[in-house]
């Protein structure tokens, strides 16, 4: 649930700087974030 809360926040935080409309996608950012997690060693 904490993961969901931060993920929902991350979705809006991604859209605000890059666009003035939302069309149902976040351009693979969720998968790139998982790569960041692994590179960051869960710390």
ModelCIF file with pLDDT and N, C-alpha, C, O atoms, coordinates in Angstrom:
data_MODEL
#
_entry.id   MODEL 
#
_entity.id                         1 
_entity.type                       polymer 
_entity.pdbx_number_of_molecules   1 
#
_entity_poly.entity_id                      1 
_entity_poly.type                           'polypeptide(L)' 
_entity_poly.nstd_linkage                   no 
_entity_poly.nstd_monomer                   no 
_entity_poly.pdbx_seq_one_letter_code       
;(UNK)(UNK)(UNK)(UNK)(UNK)(UNK)(UNK)(UNK)(UNK)(UNK)(UNK)(UNK)(UNK)(UNK)(UNK)(UNK)
(UNK)(UNK)(UNK)(UNK)(UNK)(UNK)(UNK)(UNK)(UNK)(UNK)(UNK)(UNK)(UNK)(UNK)(UNK)(UNK)
(UNK)(UNK)(UNK)(UNK)(UNK)(UNK)(UNK)(UNK)(UNK)(UNK)(UNK)
;
_entity_poly.pdbx_seq_one_letter_code_can   XXXXXXXXXXXXXXXXXXXXXXXXXXXXXXXXXXXXXXXXXXX 
_entity_poly.pdbx_strand_id                 A 
#
loop_
_entity_poly_seq.entity_id 
_entity_poly_seq.num 
_entity_poly_seq.mon_id 
_entity_poly_seq.hetero 
1 1  UNK n 
1 2  UNK n 
1 3  UNK n 
1 4  UNK n 
1 5  UNK n 
1 6  UNK n 
1 7  UNK n 
1 8  UNK n 
1 9  UNK n 
1 10 UNK n 
1 11 UNK n 
1 12 UNK n 
1 13 UNK n 
1 14 UNK n 
1 15 UNK n 
1 16 UNK n 
1 17 UNK n 
1 18 UNK n 
1 19 UNK n 
1 20 UNK n 
1 21 UNK n 
1 22 UNK n 
1 23 UNK n 
1 24 UNK n 
1 25 UNK n 
1 26 UNK n 
1 27 UNK n 
1 28 UNK n 
1 29 UNK n 
1 30 UNK n 
1 31 UNK n 
1 32 UNK n 
1 33 UNK n 
1 34 UNK n 
1 35 UNK n 
1 36 UNK n 
1 37 UNK n 
1 38 UNK n 
1 39 UNK n 
1 40 UNK n 
1 41 UNK n 
1 42 UNK n 
1 43 UNK n 
#
_struct_asym.id          A 
_struct_asym.entity_id   1 
#
loop_
_ma_qa_metric.id 
_ma_qa_metric.mode 
_ma_qa_metric.name 
_ma_qa_metric.software_group_id 
_ma_qa_metric.type 
1 global pLDDT . pLDDT 
2 local  pLDDT . pLDDT 
#
_ma_qa_metric_global.metric_id      1 
_ma_qa_metric_global.metric_value   92.33 
_ma_qa_metric_global.model_id       1 
_ma_qa_metric_global.ordinal_id     1 
#
loop_
_ma_qa_metric_local.label_asym_id 
_ma_qa_metric_local.label_comp_id 
_ma_qa_metric_local.label_seq_id 
_ma_qa_metric_local.metric_id 
_ma_qa_metric_local.metric_value 
_ma_qa_metric_local.model_id 
_ma_qa_metric_local.ordinal_id 
A UNK 1  2 98.00 1 1  
A UNK 2  2 98.00 1 2  
A UNK 3  2 98.00 1 3  
A UNK 4  2 97.00 1 4  
A UNK 5  2 98.00 1 5  
A UNK 6  2 98.00 1 6  
A UNK 7  2 97.00 1 7  
A UNK 8  2 97.00 1 8  
A UNK 9  2 97.00 1 9  
A UNK 10 2 97.00 1 10 
A UNK 11 2 96.00 1 11 
A UNK 12 2 96.00 1 12 
A UNK 13 2 95.00 1 13 
A UNK 14 2 94.00 1 14 
A UNK 15 2 94.00 1 15 
A UNK 16 2 92.00 1 16 
A UNK 17 2 89.00 1 17 
A UNK 18 2 83.00 1 18 
A UNK 19 2 82.00 1 19 
A UNK 20 2 83.00 1 20 
A UNK 21 2 88.00 1 21 
A UNK 22 2 93.00 1 22 
A UNK 23 2 90.00 1 23 
A UNK 24 2 89.00 1 24 
A UNK 25 2 91.00 1 25 
A UNK 26 2 93.00 1 26 
A UNK 27 2 86.00 1 27 
A UNK 28 2 88.00 1 28 
A UNK 29 2 90.00 1 29 
A UNK 30 2 93.00 1 30 
A UNK 31 2 92.00 1 31 
A UNK 32 2 90.00 1 32 
A UNK 33 2 93.00 1 33 
A UNK 34 2 92.00 1 34 
A UNK 35 2 89.00 1 35 
A UNK 36 2 92.00 1 36 
A UNK 37 2 94.00 1 37 
A UNK 38 2 90.00 1 38 
A UNK 39 2 88.00 1 39 
A UNK 40 2 91.00 1 40 
A UNK 41 2 90.00 1 41 
A UNK 42 2 94.00 1 42 
A UNK 43 2 95.00 1 43 
#
loop_
_atom_site.group_PDB 
_atom_site.id 
_atom_site.type_symbol 
_atom_site.label_atom_id 
_atom_site.label_alt_id 
_atom_site.label_comp_id 
_atom_site.label_asym_id 
_atom_site.label_entity_id 
_atom_site.label_seq_id 
_atom_site.pdbx_PDB_ins_code 
_atom_site.Cartn_x 
_atom_site.Cartn_y 
_atom_site.Cartn_z 
_atom_site.occupancy 
_atom_site.B_iso_or_equiv 
_atom_site.pdbx_formal_charge 
_atom_site.auth_seq_id 
_atom_site.auth_comp_id 
_atom_site.auth_asym_id 
_atom_site.auth_atom_id 
_atom_site.pdbx_PDB_model_num 
ATOM 1   N N  . UNK A 1 1  ? 0.828  -1.214 0.000   1.00 98.00 ? 1  UNK A N  1 
ATOM 2   C CA . UNK A 1 1  ? 0.000  0.000  0.000   1.00 98.00 ? 1  UNK A CA 1 
ATOM 3   C C  . UNK A 1 1  ? 0.863  1.265  0.000   1.00 98.00 ? 1  UNK A C  1 
ATOM 4   O O  . UNK A 1 1  ? 0.535  2.242  -0.673  1.00 98.00 ? 1  UNK A O  1 
ATOM 5   N N  . UNK A 1 2  ? 1.955  1.243  0.749   1.00 98.00 ? 2  UNK A N  1 
ATOM 6   C CA . UNK A 1 2  ? 2.895  2.379  0.691   1.00 98.00 ? 2  UNK A CA 1 
ATOM 7   C C  . UNK A 1 2  ? 3.457  2.510  -0.714  1.00 98.00 ? 2  UNK A C  1 
ATOM 8   O O  . UNK A 1 2  ? 3.618  3.612  -1.240  1.00 98.00 ? 2  UNK A O  1 
ATOM 9   N N  . UNK A 1 3  ? 3.750  1.362  -1.310  1.00 98.00 ? 3  UNK A N  1 
ATOM 10  C CA . UNK A 1 3  ? 4.229  1.348  -2.690  1.00 98.00 ? 3  UNK A CA 1 
ATOM 11  C C  . UNK A 1 3  ? 3.212  1.995  -3.628  1.00 98.00 ? 3  UNK A C  1 
ATOM 12  O O  . UNK A 1 3  ? 3.576  2.779  -4.504  1.00 98.00 ? 3  UNK A O  1 
ATOM 13  N N  . UNK A 1 4  ? 1.943  1.663  -3.437  1.00 97.00 ? 4  UNK A N  1 
ATOM 14  C CA . UNK A 1 4  ? 0.898  2.249  -4.270  1.00 97.00 ? 4  UNK A CA 1 
ATOM 15  C C  . UNK A 1 4  ? 0.773  3.751  -4.087  1.00 97.00 ? 4  UNK A C  1 
ATOM 16  O O  . UNK A 1 4  ? 0.576  4.488  -5.054  1.00 97.00 ? 4  UNK A O  1 
ATOM 17  N N  . UNK A 1 5  ? 0.888  4.206  -2.840  1.00 98.00 ? 5  UNK A N  1 
ATOM 18  C CA . UNK A 1 5  ? 0.793  5.640  -2.568  1.00 98.00 ? 5  UNK A CA 1 
ATOM 19  C C  . UNK A 1 5  ? 1.918  6.410  -3.259  1.00 98.00 ? 5  UNK A C  1 
ATOM 20  O O  . UNK A 1 5  ? 1.676  7.440  -3.887  1.00 98.00 ? 5  UNK A O  1 
ATOM 21  N N  . UNK A 1 6  ? 3.132  5.913  -3.141  1.00 98.00 ? 6  UNK A N  1 
ATOM 22  C CA . UNK A 1 6  ? 4.272  6.575  -3.774  1.00 98.00 ? 6  UNK A CA 1 
ATOM 23  C C  . UNK A 1 6  ? 4.204  6.464  -5.293  1.00 98.00 ? 6  UNK A C  1 
ATOM 24  O O  . UNK A 1 6  ? 4.587  7.390  -6.009  1.00 98.00 ? 6  UNK A O  1 
ATOM 25  N N  . UNK A 1 7  ? 3.709  5.319  -5.783  1.00 97.00 ? 7  UNK A N  1 
ATOM 26  C CA . UNK A 1 7  ? 3.571  5.152  -7.225  1.00 97.00 ? 7  UNK A CA 1 
ATOM 27  C C  . UNK A 1 7  ? 2.544  6.107  -7.815  1.00 97.00 ? 7  UNK A C  1 
ATOM 28  O O  . UNK A 1 7  ? 2.769  6.684  -8.879  1.00 97.00 ? 7  UNK A O  1 
ATOM 29  N N  . UNK A 1 8  ? 1.417  6.278  -7.127  1.00 97.00 ? 8  UNK A N  1 
ATOM 30  C CA . UNK A 1 8  ? 0.413  7.233  -7.586  1.00 97.00 ? 8  UNK A CA 1 
ATOM 31  C C  . UNK A 1 8  ? 0.949  8.647  -7.608  1.00 97.00 ? 8  UNK A C  1 
ATOM 32  O O  . UNK A 1 8  ? 0.707  9.393  -8.558  1.00 97.00 ? 8  UNK A O  1 
ATOM 33  N N  . UNK A 1 9  ? 1.683  9.024  -6.559  1.00 97.00 ? 9  UNK A N  1 
ATOM 34  C CA . UNK A 1 9  ? 2.322  10.339 -6.511  1.00 97.00 ? 9  UNK A CA 1 
ATOM 35  C C  . UNK A 1 9  ? 3.313  10.494 -7.656  1.00 97.00 ? 9  UNK A C  1 
ATOM 36  O O  . UNK A 1 9  ? 3.372  11.539 -8.304  1.00 97.00 ? 9  UNK A O  1 
ATOM 37  N N  . UNK A 1 10 ? 4.094  9.434  -7.899  1.00 97.00 ? 10 UNK A N  1 
ATOM 38  C CA . UNK A 1 10 ? 5.087  9.481  -8.977  1.00 97.00 ? 10 UNK A CA 1 
ATOM 39  C C  . UNK A 1 10 ? 4.452  9.677  -10.336 1.00 97.00 ? 10 UNK A C  1 
ATOM 40  O O  . UNK A 1 10 ? 5.028  10.336 -11.201 1.00 97.00 ? 10 UNK A O  1 
ATOM 41  N N  . UNK A 1 11 ? 3.260  9.107  -10.538 1.00 96.00 ? 11 UNK A N  1 
ATOM 42  C CA . UNK A 1 11 ? 2.570  9.281  -11.809 1.00 96.00 ? 11 UNK A CA 1 
ATOM 43  C C  . UNK A 1 11 ? 2.237  10.736 -12.079 1.00 96.00 ? 11 UNK A C  1 
ATOM 44  O O  . UNK A 1 11 ? 2.476  11.240 -13.176 1.00 96.00 ? 11 UNK A O  1 
ATOM 45  N N  . UNK A 1 12 ? 1.687  11.410 -11.085 1.00 96.00 ? 12 UNK A N  1 
ATOM 46  C CA . UNK A 1 12 ? 1.345  12.823 -11.252 1.00 96.00 ? 12 UNK A CA 1 
ATOM 47  C C  . UNK A 1 12 ? 2.609  13.677 -11.351 1.00 96.00 ? 12 UNK A C  1 
ATOM 48  O O  . UNK A 1 12 ? 2.659  14.631 -12.127 1.00 96.00 ? 12 UNK A O  1 
ATOM 49  N N  . UNK A 1 13 ? 3.634  13.329 -10.558 1.00 95.00 ? 13 UNK A N  1 
ATOM 50  C CA . UNK A 1 13 ? 4.888  14.082 -10.596 1.00 95.00 ? 13 UNK A CA 1 
ATOM 51  C C  . UNK A 1 13 ? 5.561  13.971 -11.957 1.00 95.00 ? 13 UNK A C  1 
ATOM 52  O O  . UNK A 1 13 ? 6.276  14.881 -12.375 1.00 95.00 ? 13 UNK A O  1 
ATOM 53  N N  . UNK A 1 14 ? 5.336  12.863 -12.647 1.00 94.00 ? 14 UNK A N  1 
ATOM 54  C CA . UNK A 1 14 ? 5.903  12.704 -13.992 1.00 94.00 ? 14 UNK A CA 1 
ATOM 55  C C  . UNK A 1 14 ? 5.166  13.571 -15.009 1.00 94.00 ? 14 UNK A C  1 
ATOM 56  O O  . UNK A 1 14 ? 5.802  14.192 -15.861 1.00 94.00 ? 14 UNK A O  1 
ATOM 57  N N  . UNK A 1 15 ? 3.839  13.623 -14.933 1.00 94.00 ? 15 UNK A N  1 
ATOM 58  C CA . UNK A 1 15 ? 3.044  14.311 -15.942 1.00 94.00 ? 15 UNK A CA 1 
ATOM 59  C C  . UNK A 1 15 ? 3.189  15.829 -15.854 1.00 94.00 ? 15 UNK A C  1 
ATOM 60  O O  . UNK A 1 15 ? 3.275  16.493 -16.887 1.00 94.00 ? 15 UNK A O  1 
ATOM 61  N N  . UNK A 1 16 ? 3.216  16.383 -14.664 1.00 92.00 ? 16 UNK A N  1 
ATOM 62  C CA . UNK A 1 16 ? 3.177  17.845 -14.503 1.00 92.00 ? 16 UNK A CA 1 
ATOM 63  C C  . UNK A 1 16 ? 4.267  18.586 -15.284 1.00 92.00 ? 16 UNK A C  1 
ATOM 64  O O  . UNK A 1 16 ? 3.948  19.569 -15.953 1.00 92.00 ? 16 UNK A O  1 
ATOM 65  N N  . UNK A 1 17 ? 5.543  18.163 -15.232 1.00 89.00 ? 17 UNK A N  1 
ATOM 66  C CA . UNK A 1 17 ? 6.568  18.957 -15.929 1.00 89.00 ? 17 UNK A CA 1 
ATOM 67  C C  . UNK A 1 17 ? 6.631  18.720 -17.434 1.00 89.00 ? 17 UNK A C  1 
ATOM 68  O O  . UNK A 1 17 ? 7.176  19.559 -18.152 1.00 89.00 ? 17 UNK A O  1 
ATOM 69  N N  . UNK A 1 18 ? 6.096  17.612 -17.938 1.00 83.00 ? 18 UNK A N  1 
ATOM 70  C CA . UNK A 1 18 ? 6.355  17.238 -19.327 1.00 83.00 ? 18 UNK A CA 1 
ATOM 71  C C  . UNK A 1 18 ? 5.184  17.479 -20.270 1.00 83.00 ? 18 UNK A C  1 
ATOM 72  O O  . UNK A 1 18 ? 5.371  17.446 -21.486 1.00 83.00 ? 18 UNK A O  1 
ATOM 73  N N  . UNK A 1 19 ? 3.986  17.719 -19.751 1.00 82.00 ? 19 UNK A N  1 
ATOM 74  C CA . UNK A 1 19 ? 2.840  17.816 -20.634 1.00 82.00 ? 19 UNK A CA 1 
ATOM 75  C C  . UNK A 1 19 ? 1.722  18.641 -20.004 1.00 82.00 ? 19 UNK A C  1 
ATOM 76  O O  . UNK A 1 19 ? 1.712  18.901 -18.800 1.00 82.00 ? 19 UNK A O  1 
ATOM 77  N N  . UNK A 1 20 ? 0.777  19.045 -20.861 1.00 83.00 ? 20 UNK A N  1 
ATOM 78  C CA . UNK A 1 20 ? -0.430 19.716 -20.369 1.00 83.00 ? 20 UNK A CA 1 
ATOM 79  C C  . UNK A 1 20 ? -1.656 18.848 -20.612 1.00 83.00 ? 20 UNK A C  1 
ATOM 80  O O  . UNK A 1 20 ? -2.791 19.316 -20.520 1.00 83.00 ? 20 UNK A O  1 
ATOM 81  N N  . UNK A 1 21 ? -1.413 17.572 -20.926 1.00 88.00 ? 21 UNK A N  1 
ATOM 82  C CA . UNK A 1 21 ? -2.504 16.626 -21.068 1.00 88.00 ? 21 UNK A CA 1 
ATOM 83  C C  . UNK A 1 21 ? -2.007 15.218 -20.774 1.00 88.00 ? 21 UNK A C  1 
ATOM 84  O O  . UNK A 1 21 ? -0.825 14.915 -20.938 1.00 88.00 ? 21 UNK A O  1 
ATOM 85  N N  . UNK A 1 22 ? -2.918 14.372 -20.340 1.00 93.00 ? 22 UNK A N  1 
ATOM 86  C CA . UNK A 1 22 ? -2.582 12.993 -20.015 1.00 93.00 ? 22 UNK A CA 1 
ATOM 87  C C  . UNK A 1 22 ? -3.344 12.082 -20.969 1.00 93.00 ? 22 UNK A C  1 
ATOM 88  O O  . UNK A 1 22 ? -4.559 12.206 -21.124 1.00 93.00 ? 22 UNK A O  1 
ATOM 89  N N  . UNK A 1 23 ? -2.611 11.155 -21.614 1.00 90.00 ? 23 UNK A N  1 
ATOM 90  C CA . UNK A 1 23 ? -3.252 10.300 -22.607 1.00 90.00 ? 23 UNK A CA 1 
ATOM 91  C C  . UNK A 1 23 ? -3.154 8.814  -22.282 1.00 90.00 ? 23 UNK A C  1 
ATOM 92  O O  . UNK A 1 23 ? -3.174 7.969  -23.177 1.00 90.00 ? 23 UNK A O  1 
ATOM 93  N N  . UNK A 1 24 ? -3.047 8.505  -20.990 1.00 89.00 ? 24 UNK A N  1 
ATOM 94  C CA . UNK A 1 24 ? -3.109 7.108  -20.586 1.00 89.00 ? 24 UNK A CA 1 
ATOM 95  C C  . UNK A 1 24 ? -1.789 6.379  -20.542 1.00 89.00 ? 24 UNK A C  1 
ATOM 96  O O  . UNK A 1 24 ? -1.772 5.150  -20.477 1.00 89.00 ? 24 UNK A O  1 
ATOM 97  N N  . UNK A 1 25 ? -0.675 7.101  -20.576 1.00 91.00 ? 25 UNK A N  1 
ATOM 98  C CA . UNK A 1 25 ? 0.626  6.442  -20.528 1.00 91.00 ? 25 UNK A CA 1 
ATOM 99  C C  . UNK A 1 25 ? 1.632  7.289  -19.757 1.00 91.00 ? 25 UNK A C  1 
ATOM 100 O O  . UNK A 1 25 ? 1.511  8.511  -19.674 1.00 91.00 ? 25 UNK A O  1 
ATOM 101 N N  . UNK A 1 26 ? 2.635  6.600  -19.191 1.00 93.00 ? 26 UNK A N  1 
ATOM 102 C CA . UNK A 1 26 ? 3.732  7.306  -18.508 1.00 93.00 ? 26 UNK A CA 1 
ATOM 103 C C  . UNK A 1 26 ? 5.068  6.923  -19.136 1.00 93.00 ? 26 UNK A C  1 
ATOM 104 O O  . UNK A 1 26 ? 6.121  7.052  -18.513 1.00 93.00 ? 26 UNK A O  1 
ATOM 105 N N  . UNK A 1 27 ? 5.006  6.452  -20.382 1.00 86.00 ? 27 UNK A N  1 
ATOM 106 C CA . UNK A 1 27 ? 6.203  6.247  -21.216 1.00 86.00 ? 27 UNK A CA 1 
ATOM 107 C C  . UNK A 1 27 ? 7.234  5.295  -20.614 1.00 86.00 ? 27 UNK A C  1 
ATOM 108 O O  . UNK A 1 27 ? 8.439  5.509  -20.751 1.00 86.00 ? 27 UNK A O  1 
ATOM 109 N N  . UNK A 1 28 ? 6.761  4.250  -19.953 1.00 88.00 ? 28 UNK A N  1 
ATOM 110 C CA . UNK A 1 28 ? 7.687  3.246  -19.433 1.00 88.00 ? 28 UNK A CA 1 
ATOM 111 C C  . UNK A 1 28 ? 8.447  3.649  -18.195 1.00 88.00 ? 28 UNK A C  1 
ATOM 112 O O  . UNK A 1 28 ? 9.410  2.979  -17.822 1.00 88.00 ? 28 UNK A O  1 
ATOM 113 N N  . UNK A 1 29 ? 8.037  4.737  -17.537 1.00 90.00 ? 29 UNK A N  1 
ATOM 114 C CA . UNK A 1 29 ? 8.775  5.221  -16.369 1.00 90.00 ? 29 UNK A CA 1 
ATOM 115 C C  . UNK A 1 29 ? 8.714  4.238  -15.199 1.00 90.00 ? 29 UNK A C  1 
ATOM 116 O O  . UNK A 1 29 ? 9.645  4.155  -14.398 1.00 90.00 ? 29 UNK A O  1 
ATOM 117 N N  . UNK A 1 30 ? 7.610  3.495  -15.110 1.00 93.00 ? 30 UNK A N  1 
ATOM 118 C CA . UNK A 1 30 ? 7.511  2.517  -14.032 1.00 93.00 ? 30 UNK A CA 1 
ATOM 119 C C  . UNK A 1 30 ? 8.567  1.441  -14.142 1.00 93.00 ? 30 UNK A C  1 
ATOM 120 O O  . UNK A 1 30 ? 9.114  1.001  -13.131 1.00 93.00 ? 30 UNK A O  1 
ATOM 121 N N  . UNK A 1 31 ? 8.860  1.009  -15.361 1.00 92.00 ? 31 UNK A N  1 
ATOM 122 C CA . UNK A 1 31 ? 9.881  -0.016 -15.575 1.00 92.00 ? 31 UNK A CA 1 
ATOM 123 C C  . UNK A 1 31 ? 11.277 0.550  -15.379 1.00 92.00 ? 31 UNK A C  1 
ATOM 124 O O  . UNK A 1 31 ? 12.155 -0.123 -14.838 1.00 92.00 ? 31 UNK A O  1 
ATOM 125 N N  . UNK A 1 32 ? 11.485 1.787  -15.818 1.00 90.00 ? 32 UNK A N  1 
ATOM 126 C CA . UNK A 1 32 ? 12.784 2.424  -15.601 1.00 90.00 ? 32 UNK A CA 1 
ATOM 127 C C  . UNK A 1 32 ? 13.046 2.611  -14.108 1.00 90.00 ? 32 UNK A C  1 
ATOM 128 O O  . UNK A 1 32 ? 14.188 2.515  -13.658 1.00 90.00 ? 32 UNK A O  1 
ATOM 129 N N  . UNK A 1 33 ? 11.990 2.878  -13.341 1.00 93.00 ? 33 UNK A N  1 
ATOM 130 C CA . UNK A 1 33 ? 12.141 3.038  -11.892 1.00 93.00 ? 33 UNK A CA 1 
ATOM 131 C C  . UNK A 1 33 ? 12.573 1.734  -11.237 1.00 93.00 ? 33 UNK A C  1 
ATOM 132 O O  . UNK A 1 33 ? 13.311 1.753  -10.252 1.00 93.00 ? 33 UNK A O  1 
ATOM 133 N N  . UNK A 1 34 ? 12.123 0.599  -11.773 1.00 92.00 ? 34 UNK A N  1 
ATOM 134 C CA . UNK A 1 34 ? 12.555 -0.690 -11.236 1.00 92.00 ? 34 UNK A CA 1 
ATOM 135 C C  . UNK A 1 34 ? 14.044 -0.885 -11.490 1.00 92.00 ? 34 UNK A C  1 
ATOM 136 O O  . UNK A 1 34 ? 14.751 -1.445 -10.652 1.00 92.00 ? 34 UNK A O  1 
ATOM 137 N N  . UNK A 1 35 ? 14.523 -0.422 -12.648 1.00 89.00 ? 35 UNK A N  1 
ATOM 138 C CA . UNK A 1 35 ? 15.960 -0.470 -12.918 1.00 89.00 ? 35 UNK A CA 1 
ATOM 139 C C  . UNK A 1 35 ? 16.720 0.406  -11.929 1.00 89.00 ? 35 UNK A C  1 
ATOM 140 O O  . UNK A 1 35 ? 17.795 0.035  -11.459 1.00 89.00 ? 35 UNK A O  1 
ATOM 141 N N  . UNK A 1 36 ? 16.153 1.575  -11.614 1.00 92.00 ? 36 UNK A N  1 
ATOM 142 C CA . UNK A 1 36 ? 16.766 2.458  -10.608 1.00 92.00 ? 36 UNK A CA 1 
ATOM 143 C C  . UNK A 1 36 ? 16.813 1.759  -9.254  1.00 92.00 ? 36 UNK A C  1 
ATOM 144 O O  . UNK A 1 36 ? 17.802 1.868  -8.530  1.00 92.00 ? 36 UNK A O  1 
ATOM 145 N N  . UNK A 1 37 ? 15.745 1.043  -8.911  1.00 94.00 ? 37 UNK A N  1 
ATOM 146 C CA . UNK A 1 37 ? 15.706 0.288  -7.653  1.00 94.00 ? 37 UNK A CA 1 
ATOM 147 C C  . UNK A 1 37 ? 16.838 -0.720 -7.591  1.00 94.00 ? 37 UNK A C  1 
ATOM 148 O O  . UNK A 1 37 ? 17.541 -0.800 -6.584  1.00 94.00 ? 37 UNK A O  1 
ATOM 149 N N  . UNK A 1 38 ? 17.024 -1.489 -8.657  1.00 90.00 ? 38 UNK A N  1 
ATOM 150 C CA . UNK A 1 38 ? 18.066 -2.521 -8.671  1.00 90.00 ? 38 UNK A CA 1 
ATOM 151 C C  . UNK A 1 38 ? 19.442 -1.878 -8.619  1.00 90.00 ? 38 UNK A C  1 
ATOM 152 O O  . UNK A 1 38 ? 20.313 -2.324 -7.872  1.00 90.00 ? 38 UNK A O  1 
ATOM 153 N N  . UNK A 1 39 ? 19.637 -0.826 -9.415  1.00 88.00 ? 39 UNK A N  1 
ATOM 154 C CA . UNK A 1 39 ? 20.919 -0.135 -9.416  1.00 88.00 ? 39 UNK A CA 1 
ATOM 155 C C  . UNK A 1 39 ? 21.202 0.489  -8.057  1.00 88.00 ? 39 UNK A C  1 
ATOM 156 O O  . UNK A 1 39 ? 22.354 0.592  -7.637  1.00 88.00 ? 39 UNK A O  1 
ATOM 157 N N  . UNK A 1 40 ? 20.132 0.905  -7.370  1.00 91.00 ? 40 UNK A N  1 
ATOM 158 C CA . UNK A 1 40 ? 20.279 1.492  -6.047  1.00 91.00 ? 40 UNK A CA 1 
ATOM 159 C C  . UNK A 1 40 ? 20.313 0.485  -4.923  1.00 91.00 ? 40 UNK A C  1 
ATOM 160 O O  . UNK A 1 40 ? 20.408 0.863  -3.755  1.00 91.00 ? 40 UNK A O  1 
ATOM 161 N N  . UNK A 1 41 ? 20.237 -0.809 -5.258  1.00 90.00 ? 41 UNK A N  1 
ATOM 162 C CA . UNK A 1 41 ? 20.405 -1.894 -4.287  1.00 90.00 ? 41 UNK A CA 1 
ATOM 163 C C  . UNK A 1 41 ? 19.415 -1.841 -3.123  1.00 90.00 ? 41 UNK A C  1 
ATOM 164 O O  . UNK A 1 41 ? 19.778 -2.138 -1.985  1.00 90.00 ? 41 UNK A O  1 
ATOM 165 N N  . UNK A 1 42 ? 18.168 -1.465 -3.405  1.00 94.00 ? 42 UNK A N  1 
ATOM 166 C CA . UNK A 1 42 ? 17.105 -1.504 -2.413  1.00 94.00 ? 42 UNK A CA 1 
ATOM 167 C C  . UNK A 1 42 ? 17.407 -0.661 -1.172  1.00 94.00 ? 42 UNK A C  1 
ATOM 168 O O  . UNK A 1 42 ? 16.908 -0.937 -0.081  1.00 94.00 ? 42 UNK A O  1 
ATOM 169 N N  . UNK A 1 43 ? 18.226 0.364  -1.360  1.00 95.00 ? 43 UNK A N  1 
ATOM 170 C CA . UNK A 1 43 ? 18.594 1.264  -0.266  1.00 95.00 ? 43 UNK A CA 1 
ATOM 171 C C  . UNK A 1 43 ? 18.149 2.681  -0.631  1.00 95.00 ? 43 UNK A C  1 
ATOM 172 O O  . UNK A 1 43 ? 18.355 3.612  0.147   1.00 95.00 ? 43 UNK A O  1 
#
